[in-house]
Amino acid sequence: MRSTSLPRPSNAFGKPLATDTVDVTALAQRLFSALEPRCGTVAVAESCTGGMLGAALTELAGSSAYFLGGVIAYSNAVKQDLLGVARATIDGVGAVSEQCVLEMAASVRQRFGADFGIAVSGIAGPGGGSDAKPVGTVWVAVATNDRSAADHRVHPGGRSEVRVRAVVQALTLALEHASG
């Protein structure tokens, strides 16, 4: 994935990011720089982004020192079978939910032996939305051995824009988690 500029999003705490546009590759570099002192590693579990998060992380030379791999878990069956998301989670709150991404992040971290697990699930559109979960709804989560965090957004724009914004959302949460 090449560097992508987007209108100014906010971080996981609702504060505007420092720049008018977001360079995805620069954000990935900042994450790896935060992980470097502790030799931290990352694994990803992606749904609506379909590999875009992994692509952003591997765009960087030397990324193999930090990035272990990922799972594109587009279907609910893959979320359950490969990532161990509970059927009760899928049936109860759905794949696009805080509980689902927390389970995805914890599982991908554990399965790959990574220090950080990052997960993304959402509704990129143009179809699939509902009143409760409109198109643009994205949940991301980060899990480490001792803590986890999740972030929910409803992103504007078409399918491609929602997916790129979801990558920015995931990288931003991971960077805040790694830095904090």
C-alpha atoms as a PDB file:
ATOM      1  CA  MET A   1       0.000   0.000   0.000  1.00  0.00           C
ATOM      2  CA  ARG A   2       1.420   3.371  -0.905  1.00  0.00           C
ATOM      3  CA  SER A   3       1.208   6.317   1.424  1.00  0.00           C
ATOM      4  CA  THR A   4      -2.352   7.541   1.439  1.00  0.00           C
ATOM      5  CA  SER A   5      -3.516  10.986   2.445  1.00  0.00           C
ATOM      6  CA  LEU A   6      -6.940  11.395   3.971  1.00  0.00           C
ATOM      7  CA  PRO A   7      -8.920  14.198   5.517  1.00  0.00           C
ATOM      8  CA  ARG A   8      -8.007  14.738   9.146  1.00  0.00           C
ATOM      9  CA  PRO A   9      -9.263  11.916  11.406  1.00  0.00           C
ATOM     10  CA  SER A  10      -9.181  11.876  15.174  1.00  0.00           C
ATOM     11  CA  ASN A  11      -7.360   9.421  17.388  1.00  0.00           C
ATOM     12  CA  ALA A  12      -8.904   6.793  19.652  1.00  0.00           C
ATOM     13  CA  PHE A  13      -9.542   9.435  22.299  1.00  0.00           C
ATOM     14  CA  GLY A  14     -11.409  11.782  19.937  1.00  0.00           C
ATOM     15  CA  LYS A  15      -8.541  14.259  19.606  1.00  0.00           C
ATOM     16  CA  PRO A  16      -7.554  15.430  16.119  1.00  0.00           C
ATOM     17  CA  LEU A  17      -4.338  14.006  14.795  1.00  0.00           C
ATOM     18  CA  ALA A  18      -1.509  16.501  14.515  1.00  0.00           C
ATOM     19  CA  THR A  19      -1.482  16.759  10.729  1.00  0.00           C
ATOM     20  CA  ASP A  20      -4.083  17.700   8.147  1.00  0.00           C
ATOM     21  CA  THR A  21      -3.583  14.408   6.336  1.00  0.00           C
ATOM     22  CA  VAL A  22      -2.464  10.990   7.453  1.00  0.00           C
ATOM     23  CA  ASP A  23       0.412   9.195   5.765  1.00  0.00           C
ATOM     24  CA  VAL A  24      -0.311   5.517   6.421  1.00  0.00           C
ATOM     25  CA  THR A  25       3.290   4.454   5.866  1.00  0.00           C
ATOM     26  CA  ALA A  26       4.564   7.141   8.248  1.00  0.00           C
ATOM     27  CA  LEU A  27       2.046   5.992  10.862  1.00  0.00           C
ATOM     28  CA  ALA A  28       3.280   2.390  10.466  1.00  0.00           C
ATOM     29  CA  GLN A  29       6.869   3.625  10.814  1.00  0.00           C
ATOM     30  CA  ARG A  30       5.962   5.442  14.031  1.00  0.00           C
ATOM     31  CA  LEU A  31       4.447   2.215  15.388  1.00  0.00           C
ATOM     32  CA  PHE A  32       7.570   0.216  14.577  1.00  0.00           C
ATOM     33  CA  SER A  33       9.749   2.950  16.095  1.00  0.00           C
ATOM     34  CA  ALA A  34       7.718   2.700  19.308  1.00  0.00           C
ATOM     35  CA  LEU A  35       8.135  -1.087  19.331  1.00  0.00           C
ATOM     36  CA  GLU A  36      11.856  -1.115  18.473  1.00  0.00           C
ATOM     37  CA  PRO A  37      13.310  -0.401  21.946  1.00  0.00           C
ATOM     38  CA  ARG A  38      11.559  -3.466  23.336  1.00  0.00           C
ATOM     39  CA  CYS A  39      11.909  -5.620  20.175  1.00  0.00           C
ATOM     40  CA  GLY A  40       8.115  -5.784  20.028  1.00  0.00           C
ATOM     41  CA  THR A  41       6.327  -7.837  17.394  1.00  0.00           C
ATOM     42  CA  VAL A  42       2.930  -7.495  15.730  1.00  0.00           C
ATOM     43  CA  ALA A  43       0.368  -9.862  14.226  1.00  0.00           C
ATOM     44  CA  VAL A  44      -2.922  -8.779  12.661  1.00  0.00           C
ATOM     45  CA  ALA A  45      -6.435 -10.168  12.220  1.00  0.00           C
ATOM     46  CA  GLU A  46      -8.355  -8.348   9.515  1.00  0.00           C
ATOM     47  CA  SER A  47     -11.882  -8.516   8.221  1.00  0.00           C
ATOM     48  CA  CYS A  48     -13.133  -5.451   6.333  1.00  0.00           C
ATOM     49  CA  THR A  49      -9.623  -4.243   5.469  1.00  0.00           C
ATOM     50  CA  GLY A  50      -8.847  -7.512   3.680  1.00  0.00           C
ATOM     51  CA  GLY A  51      -5.080  -7.361   4.180  1.00  0.00           C
ATOM     52  CA  MET A  52      -4.590  -3.608   3.894  1.00  0.00           C
ATOM     53  CA  LEU A  53      -3.305  -3.327   7.481  1.00  0.00           C
ATOM     54  CA  GLY A  54      -0.723  -6.042   6.884  1.00  0.00           C
ATOM     55  CA  ALA A  55       0.220  -4.369   3.600  1.00  0.00           C
ATOM     56  CA  ALA A  56       0.747  -1.040   5.369  1.00  0.00           C
ATOM     57  CA  LEU A  57       2.965  -2.689   7.965  1.00  0.00           C
ATOM     58  CA  THR A  58       5.032  -4.571   5.380  1.00  0.00           C
ATOM     59  CA  GLU A  59       5.487  -1.539   3.124  1.00  0.00           C
ATOM     60  CA  LEU A  60       8.460  -0.654   5.327  1.00  0.00           C
ATOM     61  CA  ALA A  61      11.915  -2.045   4.688  1.00  0.00           C
ATOM     62  CA  GLY A  62      12.962  -4.204   7.619  1.00  0.00           C
ATOM     63  CA  SER A  63       9.369  -4.888   8.664  1.00  0.00           C
ATOM     64  CA  SER A  64      10.151  -8.589   9.083  1.00  0.00           C
ATOM     65  CA  ALA A  65      11.876  -7.675  12.346  1.00  0.00           C
ATOM     66  CA  TYR A  66       8.500  -6.583  13.773  1.00  0.00           C
ATOM     67  CA  PHE A  67       5.680  -8.027  11.665  1.00  0.00           C
ATOM     68  CA  LEU A  68       5.041 -11.744  12.162  1.00  0.00           C
ATOM     69  CA  GLY A  69       1.968 -12.228   9.973  1.00  0.00           C
ATOM     70  CA  GLY A  70      -1.757 -12.078   9.878  1.00  0.00           C
ATOM     71  CA  VAL A  71      -5.104 -13.664   9.169  1.00  0.00           C
ATOM     72  CA  ILE A  72      -7.708 -12.259   6.809  1.00  0.00           C
ATOM     73  CA  ALA A  73     -10.828 -13.475   8.548  1.00  0.00           C
ATOM     74  CA  TYR A  74     -13.553 -12.170   6.278  1.00  0.00           C
ATOM     75  CA  SER A  75     -16.152 -14.815   7.058  1.00  0.00           C
ATOM     76  CA  ASN A  76     -17.599 -15.525  10.475  1.00  0.00           C
ATOM     77  CA  ALA A  77     -16.563 -19.186  10.100  1.00  0.00           C
ATOM     78  CA  VAL A  78     -12.913 -18.147   9.699  1.00  0.00           C
ATOM     79  CA  LYS A  79     -13.196 -15.821  12.688  1.00  0.00           C
ATOM     80  CA  GLN A  80     -14.449 -18.783  14.716  1.00  0.00           C
ATOM     81  CA  ASP A  81     -12.281 -21.581  13.289  1.00  0.00           C
ATOM     82  CA  LEU A  82      -8.916 -19.826  12.877  1.00  0.00           C
ATOM     83  CA  LEU A  83      -9.166 -17.131  15.526  1.00  0.00           C
ATOM     84  CA  GLY A  84     -11.339 -18.829  18.112  1.00  0.00           C
ATOM     85  CA  VAL A  85     -13.992 -16.116  18.251  1.00  0.00           C
ATOM     86  CA  ALA A  86     -16.821 -17.574  20.306  1.00  0.00           C
ATOM     87  CA  ARG A  87     -19.968 -18.514  18.442  1.00  0.00           C
ATOM     88  CA  ALA A  88     -21.878 -16.782  21.234  1.00  0.00           C
ATOM     89  CA  THR A  89     -20.070 -13.551  20.349  1.00  0.00           C
ATOM     90  CA  ILE A  90     -20.986 -13.793  16.661  1.00  0.00           C
ATOM     91  CA  ASP A  91     -24.569 -14.797  17.421  1.00  0.00           C
ATOM     92  CA  GLY A  92     -25.014 -12.340  20.290  1.00  0.00           C
ATOM     93  CA  VAL A  93     -23.313  -9.070  19.336  1.00  0.00           C
ATOM     94  CA  GLY A  94     -22.080  -9.823  15.829  1.00  0.00           C
ATOM     95  CA  ALA A  95     -18.760  -9.796  14.015  1.00  0.00           C
ATOM     96  CA  VAL A  96     -18.665  -5.999  13.962  1.00  0.00           C
ATOM     97  CA  SER A  97     -18.470  -5.472  17.706  1.00  0.00           C
ATOM     98  CA  GLU A  98     -16.098  -4.633  20.499  1.00  0.00           C
ATOM     99  CA  GLN A  99     -16.192  -8.173  21.881  1.00  0.00           C
ATOM    100  CA  CYS A 100     -15.399  -9.719  18.509  1.00  0.00           C
ATOM    101  CA  VAL A 101     -12.347  -7.537  17.785  1.00  0.00           C
ATOM    102  CA  LEU A 102     -11.043  -8.015  21.328  1.00  0.00           C
ATOM    103  CA  GLU A 103     -11.249 -11.786  20.849  1.00  0.00           C
ATOM    104  CA  MET A 104      -9.638 -11.519  17.395  1.00  0.00           C
ATOM    105  CA  ALA A 105      -6.753  -9.375  18.680  1.00  0.00           C
ATOM    106  CA  ALA A 106      -6.042 -11.608  21.680  1.00  0.00           C
ATOM    107  CA  SER A 107      -6.179 -14.750  19.580  1.00  0.00           C
ATOM    108  CA  VAL A 108      -3.950 -13.542  16.734  1.00  0.00           C
ATOM    109  CA  ARG A 109      -1.408 -12.302  19.287  1.00  0.00           C
ATOM    110  CA  GLN A 110      -1.377 -15.670  21.022  1.00  0.00           C
ATOM    111  CA  ARG A 111      -1.385 -17.803  17.856  1.00  0.00           C
ATOM    112  CA  PHE A 112       1.529 -15.930  16.277  1.00  0.00           C
ATOM    113  CA  GLY A 113       3.421 -15.438  19.546  1.00  0.00           C
ATOM    114  CA  ALA A 114       3.392 -11.671  19.001  1.00  0.00           C
ATOM    115  CA  ASP A 115       3.667  -8.940  21.579  1.00  0.00           C
ATOM    116  CA  PHE A 116       0.822  -7.000  19.935  1.00  0.00           C
ATOM    117  CA  GLY A 117      -2.301  -8.334  18.270  1.00  0.00           C
ATOM    118  CA  ILE A 118      -4.266  -5.853  16.165  1.00  0.00           C
ATOM    119  CA  ALA A 119      -7.765  -6.629  14.863  1.00  0.00           C
ATOM    120  CA  VAL A 120     -10.183  -4.859  12.522  1.00  0.00           C
ATOM    121  CA  SER A 121     -13.812  -5.641  11.718  1.00  0.00           C
ATOM    122  CA  GLY A 122     -16.334  -3.381  10.052  1.00  0.00           C
ATOM    123  CA  ILE A 123     -18.913  -2.666   7.395  1.00  0.00           C
ATOM    124  CA  ALA A 124     -17.191  -1.061   4.427  1.00  0.00           C
ATOM    125  CA  GLY A 125     -20.283  -0.958   2.229  1.00  0.00           C
ATOM    126  CA  PRO A 126     -21.934  -0.093   0.067  1.00  0.00           C
ATOM    127  CA  GLY A 127     -24.350  -2.709   1.432  1.00  0.00           C
ATOM    128  CA  GLY A 128     -24.519  -4.619   4.686  1.00  0.00           C
ATOM    129  CA  GLY A 129     -25.317  -1.756   7.019  1.00  0.00           C
ATOM    130  CA  SER A 130     -28.269  -1.396   9.361  1.00  0.00           C
ATOM    131  CA  ASP A 131     -29.692   1.277  11.632  1.00  0.00           C
ATOM    132  CA  ALA A 132     -27.676  -0.130  14.529  1.00  0.00           C
ATOM    133  CA  LYS A 133     -24.504  -0.646  12.463  1.00  0.00           C
ATOM    134  CA  PRO A 134     -24.503   1.643   9.435  1.00  0.00           C
ATOM    135  CA  VAL A 135     -22.044   1.414   6.563  1.00  0.00           C
ATOM    136  CA  GLY A 136     -18.760   2.848   7.794  1.00  0.00           C
ATOM    137  CA  THR A 137     -18.995   1.208  11.238  1.00  0.00           C
ATOM    138  CA  VAL A 138     -15.559  -0.085  12.244  1.00  0.00           C
ATOM    139  CA  TRP A 139     -14.268  -1.657  15.435  1.00  0.00           C
ATOM    140  CA  VAL A 140     -10.529  -2.090  16.007  1.00  0.00           C
ATOM    141  CA  ALA A 141      -8.692  -3.624  18.950  1.00  0.00           C
ATOM    142  CA  VAL A 142      -5.163  -4.038  20.227  1.00  0.00           C
ATOM    143  CA  ALA A 143      -4.152  -6.744  22.678  1.00  0.00           C
ATOM    144  CA  THR A 144      -0.939  -7.371  24.580  1.00  0.00           C
ATOM    145  CA  ASN A 145      -0.199  -9.913  27.261  1.00  0.00           C
ATOM    146  CA  ASP A 146      -1.501  -7.660  30.025  1.00  0.00           C
ATOM    147  CA  ARG A 147      -3.971  -5.227  28.483  1.00  0.00           C
ATOM    148  CA  SER A 148      -6.259  -4.539  25.572  1.00  0.00           C
ATOM    149  CA  ALA A 149      -8.173  -1.634  24.108  1.00  0.00           C
ATOM    150  CA  ALA A 150     -10.859  -1.201  21.478  1.00  0.00           C
ATOM    151  CA  ASP A 151     -12.061   1.749  19.434  1.00  0.00           C
ATOM    152  CA  HIS A 152     -15.315   2.269  17.528  1.00  0.00           C
ATOM    153  CA  ARG A 153     -15.906   4.681  14.647  1.00  0.00           C
ATOM    154  CA  VAL A 154     -18.446   5.312  11.937  1.00  0.00           C
ATOM    155  CA  HIS A 155     -16.359   6.516   9.008  1.00  0.00           C
ATOM    156  CA  PRO A 156     -17.754   8.609   6.155  1.00  0.00           C
ATOM    157  CA  GLY A 157     -17.064   7.880   2.522  1.00  0.00           C
ATOM    158  CA  GLY A 158     -17.272   5.039   0.074  1.00  0.00           C
ATOM    159  CA  ARG A 159     -15.936   1.522   0.488  1.00  0.00           C
ATOM    160  CA  SER A 160     -12.307   2.348  -0.316  1.00  0.00           C
ATOM    161  CA  GLU A 161     -12.288   5.364   1.984  1.00  0.00           C
ATOM    162  CA  VAL A 162     -13.816   3.417   4.872  1.00  0.00           C
ATOM    163  CA  ARG A 163     -11.206   0.677   4.490  1.00  0.00           C
ATOM    164  CA  VAL A 164      -8.264   3.110   4.450  1.00  0.00           C
ATOM    165  CA  ARG A 165      -9.710   5.010   7.405  1.00  0.00           C
ATOM    166  CA  ALA A 166     -10.022   1.682   9.253  1.00  0.00           C
ATOM    167  CA  VAL A 167      -6.295   1.055   8.691  1.00  0.00           C
ATOM    168  CA  VAL A 168      -5.495   4.525  10.052  1.00  0.00           C
ATOM    169  CA  GLN A 169      -7.791   3.883  13.019  1.00  0.00           C
ATOM    170  CA  ALA A 170      -6.050   0.562  13.776  1.00  0.00           C
ATOM    171  CA  LEU A 171      -2.534   1.974  13.427  1.00  0.00           C
ATOM    172  CA  THR A 172      -3.423   4.971  15.593  1.00  0.00           C
ATOM    173  CA  LEU A 173      -4.819   2.790  18.384  1.00  0.00           C
ATOM    174  CA  ALA A 174      -1.802   0.471  18.179  1.00  0.00           C
ATOM    175  CA  LEU A 175       0.599   3.416  18.316  1.00  0.00           C
ATOM    176  CA  GLU A 176      -1.174   4.883  21.357  1.00  0.00           C
ATOM    177  CA  HIS A 177      -1.121   1.471  23.019  1.00  0.00           C
ATOM    178  CA  ALA A 178       2.577   0.933  22.225  1.00  0.00           C
ATOM    179  CA  SER A 179       3.527   4.408  23.411  1.00  0.00           C
ATOM    180  CA  GLY A 180       1.472   4.378  26.595  1.00  0.00           C
END
